[in-house]
Amino acid sequence: MIYSGSIQVRRKLACAHLSKELREKFGKRSLTVRKGDKVRILRGDFKRHEGEVTRVDRKRGVIYVEGVTVAKADGTAVQRPVHPSNVEIIELAQDKWREKILKR
């Protein structure tokens, strides 16, 4: 389903929970992760790391967070993909479309 799903299905799979403050403020439990959102990683090697989402890859179903890098064998640093279910949104990137979603 992840790799063979339609764009609409993959969008739903790229959702993450909101922090308690945002949940109380907007009355929603989760939202789709977007570029520019600030997230906190809850699982894995980078647990408790906070950073801005730099890229969302819907094809692979992962996001890339600023500062989450690993070193390759030749010493260069590359961003490590993180699954959206392992993060929590702590700050939203606002635009007119996001505001419409939150008003619904």
N, C-alpha and C. Protein backbone atom coordinates (compact mmCIF):
# COMPACT_ATOMS: atom_id res chain seq x y z
N MET A 1 0.82 -1.20 0.00
CA MET A 1 0.00 0.00 0.00
C MET A 1 0.87 1.27 0.00
N ILE A 2 2.00 1.21 0.67
CA ILE A 2 2.85 2.40 0.75
C ILE A 2 3.39 2.76 -0.63
N TYR A 3 3.91 1.78 -1.34
CA TYR A 3 4.55 2.06 -2.62
C TYR A 3 3.59 2.02 -3.80
N SER A 4 2.49 1.32 -3.66
CA SER A 4 1.55 1.21 -4.78
C SER A 4 0.34 2.11 -4.60
N GLY A 5 0.25 2.84 -3.50
CA GLY A 5 -0.91 3.68 -3.23
C GLY A 5 -0.94 4.94 -4.08
N SER A 6 -2.12 5.51 -4.19
CA SER A 6 -2.28 6.75 -4.94
C SER A 6 -1.70 7.92 -4.16
N ILE A 7 -1.67 9.08 -4.80
CA ILE A 7 -1.14 10.28 -4.15
C ILE A 7 -1.95 10.62 -2.90
N GLN A 8 -3.27 10.43 -2.98
CA GLN A 8 -4.13 10.75 -1.85
C GLN A 8 -3.85 9.83 -0.65
N VAL A 9 -3.60 8.56 -0.93
CA VAL A 9 -3.30 7.62 0.14
C VAL A 9 -1.94 7.93 0.75
N ARG A 10 -0.97 8.25 -0.08
CA ARG A 10 0.37 8.56 0.42
C ARG A 10 0.39 9.84 1.24
N ARG A 11 -0.48 10.79 0.92
CA ARG A 11 -0.57 12.02 1.69
C ARG A 11 -1.02 11.71 3.11
N LYS A 12 -1.99 10.81 3.24
CA LYS A 12 -2.46 10.45 4.58
C LYS A 12 -1.39 9.71 5.37
N LEU A 13 -0.55 8.97 4.68
CA LEU A 13 0.52 8.25 5.38
C LEU A 13 1.64 9.18 5.82
N ALA A 14 1.68 10.40 5.28
CA ALA A 14 2.72 11.38 5.65
C ALA A 14 2.21 12.32 6.74
N CYS A 15 1.40 11.79 7.67
CA CYS A 15 0.86 12.59 8.76
C CYS A 15 1.63 12.33 10.05
N ALA A 16 1.61 13.33 10.92
CA ALA A 16 2.27 13.20 12.23
C ALA A 16 1.39 13.83 13.29
N HIS A 17 1.55 13.38 14.52
CA HIS A 17 0.78 13.92 15.63
C HIS A 17 1.23 15.34 15.93
N LEU A 18 0.32 16.12 16.47
CA LEU A 18 0.62 17.47 16.92
C LEU A 18 1.03 17.42 18.39
N SER A 19 1.82 18.40 18.82
CA SER A 19 2.19 18.50 20.24
C SER A 19 0.94 18.84 21.05
N LYS A 20 1.02 18.67 22.36
CA LYS A 20 -0.14 18.91 23.22
C LYS A 20 -0.64 20.35 23.10
N GLU A 21 0.29 21.31 23.00
CA GLU A 21 -0.10 22.71 22.90
C GLU A 21 -0.87 22.97 21.60
N LEU A 22 -0.36 22.44 20.47
CA LEU A 22 -1.03 22.64 19.19
C LEU A 22 -2.35 21.89 19.14
N ARG A 23 -2.41 20.73 19.79
CA ARG A 23 -3.64 19.94 19.82
C ARG A 23 -4.75 20.70 20.53
N GLU A 24 -4.39 21.35 21.64
CA GLU A 24 -5.38 22.15 22.38
C GLU A 24 -5.77 23.40 21.61
N LYS A 25 -4.81 24.02 20.94
CA LYS A 25 -5.06 25.26 20.22
C LYS A 25 -5.96 25.06 19.00
N PHE A 26 -5.71 23.99 18.23
CA PHE A 26 -6.43 23.80 16.97
C PHE A 26 -7.51 22.73 17.04
N GLY A 27 -7.53 21.92 18.09
CA GLY A 27 -8.55 20.89 18.22
C GLY A 27 -8.39 19.75 17.23
N LYS A 28 -7.18 19.53 16.77
CA LYS A 28 -6.88 18.41 15.87
C LYS A 28 -5.77 17.57 16.46
N ARG A 29 -5.79 16.27 16.15
CA ARG A 29 -4.79 15.36 16.69
C ARG A 29 -3.57 15.25 15.80
N SER A 30 -3.77 15.26 14.46
CA SER A 30 -2.64 15.11 13.55
C SER A 30 -2.86 15.92 12.28
N LEU A 31 -1.78 16.20 11.60
CA LEU A 31 -1.80 16.92 10.32
C LEU A 31 -0.73 16.35 9.41
N THR A 32 -0.86 16.63 8.12
CA THR A 32 0.15 16.24 7.16
C THR A 32 1.41 17.08 7.38
N VAL A 33 2.55 16.42 7.37
CA VAL A 33 3.83 17.12 7.56
C VAL A 33 4.17 17.86 6.27
N ARG A 34 4.60 19.10 6.41
CA ARG A 34 4.99 19.93 5.27
C ARG A 34 6.38 20.48 5.48
N LYS A 35 6.98 20.89 4.37
CA LYS A 35 8.27 21.55 4.42
C LYS A 35 8.12 22.84 5.23
N GLY A 36 9.01 23.07 6.16
CA GLY A 36 8.95 24.27 6.99
C GLY A 36 8.40 24.02 8.38
N ASP A 37 7.72 22.90 8.61
CA ASP A 37 7.24 22.57 9.94
C ASP A 37 8.42 22.27 10.85
N LYS A 38 8.29 22.61 12.13
CA LYS A 38 9.31 22.26 13.10
C LYS A 38 8.82 21.00 13.82
N VAL A 39 9.67 19.98 13.87
CA VAL A 39 9.27 18.70 14.45
C VAL A 39 10.26 18.24 15.51
N ARG A 40 9.77 17.35 16.38
CA ARG A 40 10.60 16.70 17.40
C ARG A 40 10.57 15.20 17.09
N ILE A 41 11.75 14.58 17.00
CA ILE A 41 11.82 13.16 16.72
C ILE A 41 11.61 12.39 18.02
N LEU A 42 10.71 11.39 17.98
CA LEU A 42 10.34 10.65 19.17
C LEU A 42 10.98 9.27 19.26
N ARG A 43 11.45 8.72 18.15
CA ARG A 43 12.00 7.37 18.13
C ARG A 43 13.32 7.33 17.36
N GLY A 44 14.16 6.36 17.68
CA GLY A 44 15.37 6.13 16.91
C GLY A 44 16.61 6.78 17.48
N ASP A 45 17.65 6.81 16.66
CA ASP A 45 18.95 7.33 17.09
C ASP A 45 18.93 8.82 17.38
N PHE A 46 18.02 9.55 16.76
CA PHE A 46 17.96 11.01 16.91
C PHE A 46 16.81 11.43 17.82
N LYS A 47 16.44 10.58 18.76
CA LYS A 47 15.35 10.85 19.68
C LYS A 47 15.58 12.18 20.41
N ARG A 48 14.52 12.97 20.55
CA ARG A 48 14.50 14.29 21.20
C ARG A 48 15.17 15.39 20.37
N HIS A 49 15.58 15.09 19.15
CA HIS A 49 16.16 16.11 18.27
C HIS A 49 15.03 16.95 17.69
N GLU A 50 15.20 18.27 17.69
CA GLU A 50 14.21 19.17 17.10
C GLU A 50 14.82 19.87 15.91
N GLY A 51 14.04 20.00 14.84
CA GLY A 51 14.54 20.67 13.65
C GLY A 51 13.42 20.92 12.65
N GLU A 52 13.77 21.66 11.62
CA GLU A 52 12.80 22.02 10.59
C GLU A 52 12.81 20.96 9.48
N VAL A 53 11.63 20.68 8.95
CA VAL A 53 11.52 19.72 7.86
C VAL A 53 12.05 20.39 6.59
N THR A 54 13.05 19.78 5.97
CA THR A 54 13.65 20.36 4.77
C THR A 54 13.05 19.78 3.50
N ARG A 55 12.54 18.53 3.58
CA ARG A 55 12.00 17.89 2.39
C ARG A 55 11.02 16.80 2.80
N VAL A 56 9.95 16.63 2.02
CA VAL A 56 8.99 15.55 2.22
C VAL A 56 9.00 14.70 0.96
N ASP A 57 9.30 13.42 1.12
CA ASP A 57 9.34 12.50 -0.01
C ASP A 57 8.14 11.57 0.08
N ARG A 58 7.07 11.91 -0.63
CA ARG A 58 5.87 11.09 -0.58
C ARG A 58 6.04 9.77 -1.29
N LYS A 59 6.91 9.73 -2.27
CA LYS A 59 7.12 8.48 -3.00
C LYS A 59 7.67 7.40 -2.08
N ARG A 60 8.63 7.77 -1.22
CA ARG A 60 9.22 6.82 -0.27
C ARG A 60 8.53 6.84 1.08
N GLY A 61 7.69 7.85 1.33
CA GLY A 61 6.97 7.93 2.59
C GLY A 61 7.83 8.35 3.77
N VAL A 62 8.80 9.25 3.51
CA VAL A 62 9.70 9.71 4.56
C VAL A 62 9.83 11.23 4.51
N ILE A 63 10.36 11.79 5.59
CA ILE A 63 10.67 13.22 5.64
C ILE A 63 12.14 13.37 6.00
N TYR A 64 12.69 14.54 5.70
CA TYR A 64 14.08 14.86 6.03
C TYR A 64 14.07 16.06 6.95
N VAL A 65 14.77 15.93 8.09
CA VAL A 65 14.78 16.96 9.12
C VAL A 65 16.18 17.58 9.18
N GLU A 66 16.19 18.89 9.34
CA GLU A 66 17.45 19.63 9.43
C GLU A 66 18.27 19.14 10.62
N GLY A 67 19.53 18.82 10.38
CA GLY A 67 20.42 18.38 11.45
C GLY A 67 20.46 16.89 11.67
N VAL A 68 19.61 16.14 10.97
CA VAL A 68 19.62 14.68 11.11
C VAL A 68 20.45 14.12 9.96
N THR A 69 21.74 13.95 10.23
CA THR A 69 22.66 13.49 9.19
C THR A 69 23.49 12.33 9.71
N VAL A 70 23.97 11.53 8.77
CA VAL A 70 24.90 10.45 9.07
C VAL A 70 26.10 10.59 8.15
N ALA A 71 27.23 10.06 8.59
CA ALA A 71 28.45 10.15 7.80
C ALA A 71 28.58 8.91 6.91
N LYS A 72 28.88 9.14 5.64
CA LYS A 72 29.13 8.04 4.72
C LYS A 72 30.56 7.53 4.93
N ALA A 73 30.90 6.48 4.25
CA ALA A 73 32.23 5.88 4.40
C ALA A 73 33.35 6.83 4.01
N ASP A 74 33.07 7.71 3.02
CA ASP A 74 34.10 8.66 2.60
C ASP A 74 34.12 9.94 3.45
N GLY A 75 33.26 10.01 4.48
CA GLY A 75 33.27 11.15 5.39
C GLY A 75 32.25 12.23 5.11
N THR A 76 31.57 12.18 3.96
CA THR A 76 30.56 13.20 3.66
C THR A 76 29.29 12.93 4.45
N ALA A 77 28.63 14.00 4.83
CA ALA A 77 27.39 13.89 5.60
C ALA A 77 26.18 13.91 4.66
N VAL A 78 25.25 13.00 4.89
CA VAL A 78 24.00 12.95 4.11
C VAL A 78 22.83 12.94 5.09
N GLN A 79 21.71 13.52 4.65
CA GLN A 79 20.53 13.54 5.51
C GLN A 79 19.94 12.15 5.62
N ARG A 80 19.50 11.81 6.82
CA ARG A 80 18.90 10.51 7.06
C ARG A 80 17.38 10.64 7.03
N PRO A 81 16.69 9.78 6.28
CA PRO A 81 15.23 9.86 6.23
C PRO A 81 14.59 9.41 7.54
N VAL A 82 13.46 10.04 7.89
CA VAL A 82 12.73 9.72 9.10
C VAL A 82 11.27 9.47 8.71
N HIS A 83 10.68 8.43 9.26
CA HIS A 83 9.26 8.16 8.97
C HIS A 83 8.40 9.16 9.74
N PRO A 84 7.35 9.71 9.10
CA PRO A 84 6.53 10.73 9.76
C PRO A 84 5.85 10.27 11.05
N SER A 85 5.61 8.97 11.20
CA SER A 85 4.98 8.48 12.43
C SER A 85 5.91 8.56 13.63
N ASN A 86 7.19 8.77 13.39
CA ASN A 86 8.17 8.86 14.47
C ASN A 86 8.47 10.28 14.90
N VAL A 87 7.71 11.25 14.40
CA VAL A 87 7.94 12.64 14.78
C VAL A 87 6.66 13.24 15.34
N GLU A 88 6.82 14.39 16.00
CA GLU A 88 5.71 15.15 16.54
C GLU A 88 5.88 16.59 16.07
N ILE A 89 4.85 17.16 15.51
CA ILE A 89 4.92 18.54 15.03
C ILE A 89 4.82 19.48 16.23
N ILE A 90 5.81 20.37 16.38
CA ILE A 90 5.79 21.30 17.51
C ILE A 90 5.55 22.74 17.07
N GLU A 91 5.72 23.01 15.77
CA GLU A 91 5.45 24.35 15.22
C GLU A 91 5.05 24.21 13.77
N LEU A 92 3.98 24.88 13.37
CA LEU A 92 3.45 24.76 12.01
C LEU A 92 3.98 25.86 11.11
N ALA A 93 4.22 25.50 9.85
CA ALA A 93 4.53 26.48 8.82
C ALA A 93 3.18 26.97 8.28
N GLN A 94 2.84 28.21 8.51
CA GLN A 94 1.51 28.72 8.14
C GLN A 94 1.48 29.26 6.73
N ASP A 95 0.43 28.93 6.01
CA ASP A 95 0.12 29.54 4.74
C ASP A 95 -1.40 29.53 4.60
N LYS A 96 -1.94 30.08 3.52
CA LYS A 96 -3.39 30.21 3.42
C LYS A 96 -4.09 28.86 3.32
N TRP A 97 -3.41 27.85 2.72
CA TRP A 97 -4.03 26.53 2.60
C TRP A 97 -4.07 25.82 3.95
N ARG A 98 -3.02 25.97 4.72
CA ARG A 98 -2.97 25.34 6.04
C ARG A 98 -4.03 25.95 6.96
N GLU A 99 -4.22 27.28 6.85
CA GLU A 99 -5.23 27.94 7.67
C GLU A 99 -6.63 27.44 7.33
N LYS A 100 -6.88 27.18 6.05
CA LYS A 100 -8.17 26.63 5.63
C LYS A 100 -8.40 25.25 6.23
N ILE A 101 -7.36 24.44 6.24
CA ILE A 101 -7.45 23.09 6.80
C ILE A 101 -7.77 23.15 8.28
N LEU A 102 -7.12 24.07 9.00
CA LEU A 102 -7.30 24.17 10.45
C LEU A 102 -8.67 24.73 10.82
N LYS A 103 -9.29 25.52 9.94
CA LYS A 103 -10.61 26.08 10.22
C LYS A 103 -11.73 25.07 10.05
N ARG A 104 -11.47 24.02 9.23
CA ARG A 104 -12.52 23.02 9.00
C ARG A 104 -12.92 22.32 10.26
